[in-house]
Amino acid sequence: MFTKPKNIETAFRHIRAFTMLLITGTLLLAGFVVYKSCVLVSEARQSIYILANGKALEALNANRHENIPVEARDHVKTFHEDFFTLDPDEKVIQSNITKALYLSDASAKREFDNLTEQGYYRSIISGNVSQKVFTDSVAVSLDSHPYRFRYYGKLEITRPTSTVTRSLVTEGALREVSRSDNNPHGFIIEKWHVVDNRDIKIKAR
């Protein structure tokens, strides 16, 4: 008569042991999932993806100081491309110059005003001339702030009857400012001036 209660007690102990084992396993699995999730989130925060020319590029999260040389050179390059890339279209010229002036101080505006007074942009439009800049190199000194730079490049001026290649060497300084949509690198070009801009080659078309 005592066999049945003993069997029930044994079965209860087995069920209890199995339940405890199941709960322990579930807790361990949940802890592992939470841990892996935290690791993946932490890794995801270290990088972001940006869309450039239809391609997704990974951008790593890094200290600004580590990227200053790269960003400074690209800022200078972008400014020169915007300022010197011209087509015989007033709206294109105005759009490019406006973008360039967001990256620089009054020294670039003075150069633009001088060229305007000399009729340079008028002659681009009336003469059906296109102008494009090619960057050779950008040297930036990080010894002191503002950072001094020197830009080396070439201008290719395409006229109806000829193509003129000119040297382009400029100098200036870079001051750090807040980033914005119009100034993603967070620099302003100061005391900018042209050092050399002479004809190198003239080719008939």
C-alpha atoms as a PDB file:
ATOM      1  CA  MET A   1       0.000   0.000   0.000  1.00  0.00           C
ATOM      2  CA  PHE A   2       3.014   2.346   0.427  1.00  0.00           C
ATOM      3  CA  THR A   3       4.374   1.627  -3.064  1.00  0.00           C
ATOM      4  CA  LYS A   4       2.007   4.035  -4.810  1.00  0.00           C
ATOM      5  CA  PRO A   5       2.840   7.111  -2.692  1.00  0.00           C
ATOM      6  CA  LYS A   6       6.542   6.345  -3.066  1.00  0.00           C
ATOM      7  CA  ASN A   7       6.164   6.189  -6.833  1.00  0.00           C
ATOM      8  CA  ILE A   8       4.285   9.509  -6.807  1.00  0.00           C
ATOM      9  CA  GLU A   9       6.988  11.107  -4.649  1.00  0.00           C
ATOM     10  CA  THR A  10       9.747   9.768  -6.917  1.00  0.00           C
ATOM     11  CA  ALA A  11       7.912  11.036 -10.004  1.00  0.00           C
ATOM     12  CA  PHE A  12       7.436  14.436  -8.348  1.00  0.00           C
ATOM     13  CA  ARG A  13      11.168  14.644  -7.566  1.00  0.00           C
ATOM     14  CA  HIS A  14      12.009  13.787 -11.185  1.00  0.00           C
ATOM     15  CA  ILE A  15       9.579  16.367 -12.509  1.00  0.00           C
ATOM     16  CA  ARG A  16      10.960  18.980 -10.104  1.00  0.00           C
ATOM     17  CA  ALA A  17      14.561  18.180 -11.117  1.00  0.00           C
ATOM     18  CA  PHE A  18      13.636  18.307 -14.801  1.00  0.00           C
ATOM     19  CA  THR A  19      11.802  21.613 -14.304  1.00  0.00           C
ATOM     20  CA  MET A  20      14.764  23.152 -12.454  1.00  0.00           C
ATOM     21  CA  LEU A  21      17.098  21.928 -15.189  1.00  0.00           C
ATOM     22  CA  LEU A  22      14.829  23.410 -17.854  1.00  0.00           C
ATOM     23  CA  ILE A  23      14.591  26.771 -16.038  1.00  0.00           C
ATOM     24  CA  THR A  24      18.372  26.881 -15.537  1.00  0.00           C
ATOM     25  CA  GLY A  25      18.955  26.111 -19.216  1.00  0.00           C
ATOM     26  CA  THR A  26      16.462  28.783 -20.268  1.00  0.00           C
ATOM     27  CA  LEU A  27      18.121  31.385 -18.025  1.00  0.00           C
ATOM     28  CA  LEU A  28      21.562  30.492 -19.372  1.00  0.00           C
ATOM     29  CA  LEU A  29      20.310  30.738 -22.955  1.00  0.00           C
ATOM     30  CA  ALA A  30      18.617  34.091 -22.255  1.00  0.00           C
ATOM     31  CA  GLY A  31      21.800  35.415 -20.645  1.00  0.00           C
ATOM     32  CA  PHE A  32      23.863  34.322 -23.644  1.00  0.00           C
ATOM     33  CA  VAL A  33      21.425  35.987 -26.060  1.00  0.00           C
ATOM     34  CA  VAL A  34      21.514  39.252 -24.066  1.00  0.00           C
ATOM     35  CA  TYR A  35      25.325  39.170 -23.957  1.00  0.00           C
ATOM     36  CA  LYS A  36      25.654  38.570 -27.719  1.00  0.00           C
ATOM     37  CA  SER A  37      23.114  41.322 -28.403  1.00  0.00           C
ATOM     38  CA  CYS A  38      25.130  43.798 -26.316  1.00  0.00           C
ATOM     39  CA  VAL A  39      28.312  42.837 -28.174  1.00  0.00           C
ATOM     40  CA  LEU A  40      26.656  43.253 -31.587  1.00  0.00           C
ATOM     41  CA  VAL A  41      25.142  46.632 -30.624  1.00  0.00           C
ATOM     42  CA  SER A  42      28.525  47.819 -29.360  1.00  0.00           C
ATOM     43  CA  GLU A  43      30.201  46.781 -32.616  1.00  0.00           C
ATOM     44  CA  ALA A  44      27.452  48.407 -34.676  1.00  0.00           C
ATOM     45  CA  ARG A  45      28.002  51.719 -32.881  1.00  0.00           C
ATOM     46  CA  GLN A  46      31.616  51.731 -33.982  1.00  0.00           C
ATOM     47  CA  SER A  47      30.674  52.218 -37.622  1.00  0.00           C
ATOM     48  CA  ILE A  48      28.025  53.778 -39.782  1.00  0.00           C
ATOM     49  CA  TYR A  49      27.242  53.442 -43.456  1.00  0.00           C
ATOM     50  CA  ILE A  50      26.980  56.350 -45.844  1.00  0.00           C
ATOM     51  CA  LEU A  51      25.655  56.385 -49.378  1.00  0.00           C
ATOM     52  CA  ALA A  52      28.060  57.868 -51.936  1.00  0.00           C
ATOM     53  CA  ASN A  53      27.437  57.689 -55.666  1.00  0.00           C
ATOM     54  CA  GLY A  54      24.972  54.870 -55.160  1.00  0.00           C
ATOM     55  CA  LYS A  55      27.368  52.755 -53.090  1.00  0.00           C
ATOM     56  CA  ALA A  56      27.175  51.993 -49.370  1.00  0.00           C
ATOM     57  CA  LEU A  57      30.491  52.812 -47.691  1.00  0.00           C
ATOM     58  CA  GLU A  58      31.452  51.999 -44.118  1.00  0.00           C
ATOM     59  CA  ALA A  59      32.541  54.963 -42.014  1.00  0.00           C
ATOM     60  CA  LEU A  60      34.361  54.139 -38.794  1.00  0.00           C
ATOM     61  CA  ASN A  61      33.748  56.051 -35.582  1.00  0.00           C
ATOM     62  CA  ALA A  62      37.048  57.714 -34.721  1.00  0.00           C
ATOM     63  CA  ASN A  63      38.416  60.699 -32.881  1.00  0.00           C
ATOM     64  CA  ARG A  64      38.353  63.886 -34.991  1.00  0.00           C
ATOM     65  CA  HIS A  65      42.049  64.501 -34.367  1.00  0.00           C
ATOM     66  CA  GLU A  66      42.931  61.204 -36.062  1.00  0.00           C
ATOM     67  CA  ASN A  67      41.146  62.295 -39.247  1.00  0.00           C
ATOM     68  CA  ILE A  68      42.286  65.927 -39.417  1.00  0.00           C
ATOM     69  CA  PRO A  69      44.958  65.404 -42.132  1.00  0.00           C
ATOM     70  CA  VAL A  70      42.558  63.531 -44.420  1.00  0.00           C
ATOM     71  CA  GLU A  71      39.625  65.878 -43.828  1.00  0.00           C
ATOM     72  CA  ALA A  72      41.797  68.976 -44.187  1.00  0.00           C
ATOM     73  CA  ARG A  73      43.181  67.866 -47.555  1.00  0.00           C
ATOM     74  CA  ASP A  74      39.724  66.926 -48.815  1.00  0.00           C
ATOM     75  CA  HIS A  75      38.308  70.271 -47.664  1.00  0.00           C
ATOM     76  CA  VAL A  76      40.970  72.163 -49.608  1.00  0.00           C
ATOM     77  CA  LYS A  77      40.474  69.945 -52.654  1.00  0.00           C
ATOM     78  CA  THR A  78      36.690  70.382 -52.569  1.00  0.00           C
ATOM     79  CA  PHE A  79      36.999  74.159 -52.266  1.00  0.00           C
ATOM     80  CA  HIS A  80      39.267  74.394 -55.316  1.00  0.00           C
ATOM     81  CA  GLU A  81      37.040  72.089 -57.358  1.00  0.00           C
ATOM     82  CA  ASP A  82      33.999  74.225 -56.576  1.00  0.00           C
ATOM     83  CA  PHE A  83      35.760  77.561 -57.067  1.00  0.00           C
ATOM     84  CA  PHE A  84      37.550  76.752 -60.334  1.00  0.00           C
ATOM     85  CA  THR A  85      35.176  74.341 -62.093  1.00  0.00           C
ATOM     86  CA  LEU A  86      33.294  76.606 -64.503  1.00  0.00           C
ATOM     87  CA  ASP A  87      31.014  76.135 -67.484  1.00  0.00           C
ATOM     88  CA  PRO A  88      29.431  78.705 -69.817  1.00  0.00           C
ATOM     89  CA  ASP A  89      26.288  78.852 -67.710  1.00  0.00           C
ATOM     90  CA  GLU A  90      25.621  81.610 -65.189  1.00  0.00           C
ATOM     91  CA  LYS A  91      23.607  79.342 -62.883  1.00  0.00           C
ATOM     92  CA  VAL A  92      26.342  76.685 -62.808  1.00  0.00           C
ATOM     93  CA  ILE A  93      28.971  79.301 -62.028  1.00  0.00           C
ATOM     94  CA  GLN A  94      26.866  80.854 -59.262  1.00  0.00           C
ATOM     95  CA  SER A  95      26.077  77.442 -57.752  1.00  0.00           C
ATOM     96  CA  ASN A  96      29.733  76.336 -57.675  1.00  0.00           C
ATOM     97  CA  ILE A  97      30.985  79.652 -56.299  1.00  0.00           C
ATOM     98  CA  THR A  98      28.306  79.666 -53.596  1.00  0.00           C
ATOM     99  CA  LYS A  99      29.374  76.187 -52.438  1.00  0.00           C
ATOM    100  CA  ALA A 100      33.022  77.288 -52.411  1.00  0.00           C
ATOM    101  CA  LEU A 101      32.304  80.429 -50.382  1.00  0.00           C
ATOM    102  CA  TYR A 102      30.689  78.346 -47.638  1.00  0.00           C
ATOM    103  CA  LEU A 103      34.121  76.704 -47.182  1.00  0.00           C
ATOM    104  CA  SER A 104      36.147  79.911 -46.964  1.00  0.00           C
ATOM    105  CA  ASP A 105      36.324  83.391 -45.487  1.00  0.00           C
ATOM    106  CA  ALA A 106      36.335  86.829 -47.117  1.00  0.00           C
ATOM    107  CA  SER A 107      39.672  86.206 -48.850  1.00  0.00           C
ATOM    108  CA  ALA A 108      37.975  83.902 -51.386  1.00  0.00           C
ATOM    109  CA  LYS A 109      35.090  86.370 -51.767  1.00  0.00           C
ATOM    110  CA  ARG A 110      37.622  89.126 -52.599  1.00  0.00           C
ATOM    111  CA  GLU A 111      39.181  86.917 -55.290  1.00  0.00           C
ATOM    112  CA  PHE A 112      35.723  86.218 -56.722  1.00  0.00           C
ATOM    113  CA  ASP A 113      34.867  89.948 -56.698  1.00  0.00           C
ATOM    114  CA  ASN A 114      38.166  90.797 -58.451  1.00  0.00           C
ATOM    115  CA  LEU A 115      37.520  88.216 -61.185  1.00  0.00           C
ATOM    116  CA  THR A 116      33.969  89.515 -61.574  1.00  0.00           C
ATOM    117  CA  GLU A 117      35.189  93.106 -61.960  1.00  0.00           C
ATOM    118  CA  GLN A 118      37.727  91.964 -64.554  1.00  0.00           C
ATOM    119  CA  GLY A 119      34.905  90.370 -66.547  1.00  0.00           C
ATOM    120  CA  TYR A 120      36.352  86.878 -66.184  1.00  0.00           C
ATOM    121  CA  TYR A 121      33.027  85.107 -65.686  1.00  0.00           C
ATOM    122  CA  ARG A 122      31.387  87.158 -68.437  1.00  0.00           C
ATOM    123  CA  SER A 123      34.088  86.015 -70.836  1.00  0.00           C
ATOM    124  CA  ILE A 124      33.559  82.373 -69.772  1.00  0.00           C
ATOM    125  CA  ILE A 125      29.882  82.627 -70.715  1.00  0.00           C
ATOM    126  CA  SER A 126      30.227  84.724 -73.872  1.00  0.00           C
ATOM    127  CA  GLY A 127      33.219  82.744 -75.146  1.00  0.00           C
ATOM    128  CA  ASN A 128      31.597  79.332 -74.531  1.00  0.00           C
ATOM    129  CA  VAL A 129      34.552  78.334 -72.339  1.00  0.00           C
ATOM    130  CA  SER A 130      34.764  75.435 -69.873  1.00  0.00           C
ATOM    131  CA  GLN A 131      37.267  75.261 -67.051  1.00  0.00           C
ATOM    132  CA  LYS A 132      38.189  72.266 -64.913  1.00  0.00           C
ATOM    133  CA  VAL A 133      40.697  71.842 -62.102  1.00  0.00           C
ATOM    134  CA  PHE A 134      42.859  68.762 -61.505  1.00  0.00           C
ATOM    135  CA  THR A 135      44.428  68.301 -58.076  1.00  0.00           C
ATOM    136  CA  ASP A 136      48.052  67.148 -57.924  1.00  0.00           C
ATOM    137  CA  SER A 137      48.580  67.333 -54.157  1.00  0.00           C
ATOM    138  CA  VAL A 138      47.659  69.216 -50.994  1.00  0.00           C
ATOM    139  CA  ALA A 139      50.272  69.832 -48.286  1.00  0.00           C
ATOM    140  CA  VAL A 140      48.906  70.624 -44.807  1.00  0.00           C
ATOM    141  CA  SER A 141      51.019  71.572 -41.784  1.00  0.00           C
ATOM    142  CA  LEU A 142      49.479  70.556 -38.457  1.00  0.00           C
ATOM    143  CA  ASP A 143      52.198  72.136 -36.303  1.00  0.00           C
ATOM    144  CA  SER A 144      49.928  74.963 -35.176  1.00  0.00           C
ATOM    145  CA  HIS A 145      46.331  76.101 -35.520  1.00  0.00           C
ATOM    146  CA  PRO A 146      45.134  77.501 -37.920  1.00  0.00           C
ATOM    147  CA  TYR A 147      46.734  74.845 -40.134  1.00  0.00           C
ATOM    148  CA  ARG A 148      48.738  76.185 -43.066  1.00  0.00           C
ATOM    149  CA  PHE A 149      48.248  74.534 -46.445  1.00  0.00           C
ATOM    150  CA  ARG A 150      49.554  74.723 -49.998  1.00  0.00           C
ATOM    151  CA  TYR A 151      47.536  73.435 -52.936  1.00  0.00           C
ATOM    152  CA  TYR A 152      49.107  72.162 -56.178  1.00  0.00           C
ATOM    153  CA  GLY A 153      47.001  71.552 -59.243  1.00  0.00           C
ATOM    154  CA  LYS A 154      46.340  72.360 -62.888  1.00  0.00           C
ATOM    155  CA  LEU A 155      43.595  74.200 -64.718  1.00  0.00           C
ATOM    156  CA  GLU A 156      42.357  72.935 -68.053  1.00  0.00           C
ATOM    157  CA  ILE A 157      40.605  75.713 -69.965  1.00  0.00           C
ATOM    158  CA  THR A 158      38.737  74.532 -73.044  1.00  0.00           C
ATOM    159  CA  ARG A 159      37.961  77.204 -75.622  1.00  0.00           C
ATOM    160  CA  PRO A 160      36.335  76.709 -79.038  1.00  0.00           C
ATOM    161  CA  THR A 161      39.738  76.861 -80.773  1.00  0.00           C
ATOM    162  CA  SER A 162      42.225  75.685 -78.125  1.00  0.00           C
ATOM    163  CA  THR A 163      42.819  73.936 -74.814  1.00  0.00           C
ATOM    164  CA  VAL A 164      45.038  75.761 -72.340  1.00  0.00           C
ATOM    165  CA  THR A 165      46.676  74.034 -69.368  1.00  0.00           C
ATOM    166  CA  ARG A 166      47.712  76.335 -66.525  1.00  0.00           C
ATOM    167  CA  SER A 167      49.500  75.708 -63.252  1.00  0.00           C
ATOM    168  CA  LEU A 168      47.601  76.455 -60.062  1.00  0.00           C
ATOM    169  CA  VAL A 169      49.361  76.898 -56.735  1.00  0.00           C
ATOM    170  CA  THR A 170      47.561  78.512 -53.804  1.00  0.00           C
ATOM    171  CA  GLU A 171      48.177  79.022 -50.106  1.00  0.00           C
ATOM    172  CA  GLY A 172      46.046  79.633 -47.048  1.00  0.00           C
ATOM    173  CA  ALA A 173      45.132  78.434 -43.572  1.00  0.00           C
ATOM    174  CA  LEU A 174      42.441  76.170 -42.154  1.00  0.00           C
ATOM    175  CA  ARG A 175      40.507  77.086 -39.028  1.00  0.00           C
ATOM    176  CA  GLU A 176      38.296  74.506 -37.296  1.00  0.00           C
ATOM    177  CA  VAL A 177      34.581  75.357 -37.066  1.00  0.00           C
ATOM    178  CA  SER A 178      31.352  73.452 -36.461  1.00  0.00           C
ATOM    179  CA  ARG A 179      30.250  71.005 -39.128  1.00  0.00           C
ATOM    180  CA  SER A 180      27.143  71.719 -41.181  1.00  0.00           C
ATOM    181  CA  ASP A 181      25.407  70.547 -44.351  1.00  0.00           C
ATOM    182  CA  ASN A 182      27.226  73.268 -46.288  1.00  0.00           C
ATOM    183  CA  ASN A 183      30.541  72.592 -44.528  1.00  0.00           C
ATOM    184  CA  PRO A 184      30.738  68.857 -43.671  1.00  0.00           C
ATOM    185  CA  HIS A 185      34.480  68.882 -42.880  1.00  0.00           C
ATOM    186  CA  GLY A 186      34.216  71.634 -40.266  1.00  0.00           C
ATOM    187  CA  PHE A 187      36.978  73.915 -41.613  1.00  0.00           C
ATOM    188  CA  ILE A 188      37.105  77.479 -42.918  1.00  0.00           C
ATOM    189  CA  ILE A 189      39.812  78.533 -45.379  1.00  0.00           C
ATOM    190  CA  GLU A 190      41.461  81.805 -44.326  1.00  0.00           C
ATOM    191  CA  LYS A 191      43.982  84.174 -45.944  1.00  0.00           C
ATOM    192  CA  TRP A 192      43.688  82.353 -49.241  1.00  0.00           C
ATOM    193  CA  HIS A 193      45.623  83.628 -52.248  1.00  0.00           C
ATOM    194  CA  VAL A 194      46.936  82.367 -55.575  1.00  0.00           C
ATOM    195  CA  VAL A 195      50.712  81.912 -55.690  1.00  0.00           C
ATOM    196  CA  ASP A 196      51.159  80.705 -59.278  1.00  0.00           C
ATOM    197  CA  ASN A 197      48.768  80.579 -62.242  1.00  0.00           C
ATOM    198  CA  ARG A 198      50.698  80.568 -65.507  1.00  0.00           C
ATOM    199  CA  ASP A 199      50.275  78.859 -68.863  1.00  0.00           C
ATOM    200  CA  ILE A 200      52.019  75.505 -69.180  1.00  0.00           C
ATOM    201  CA  LYS A 201      50.681  74.234 -72.474  1.00  0.00           C
ATOM    202  CA  ILE A 202      48.436  75.448 -75.289  1.00  0.00           C
ATOM    203  CA  LYS A 203      46.963  72.914 -77.692  1.00  0.00           C
ATOM    204  CA  ALA A 204      44.924  73.775 -80.793  1.00  0.00           C
ATOM    205  CA  ARG A 205      41.589  72.014 -81.210  1.00  0.00           C
END
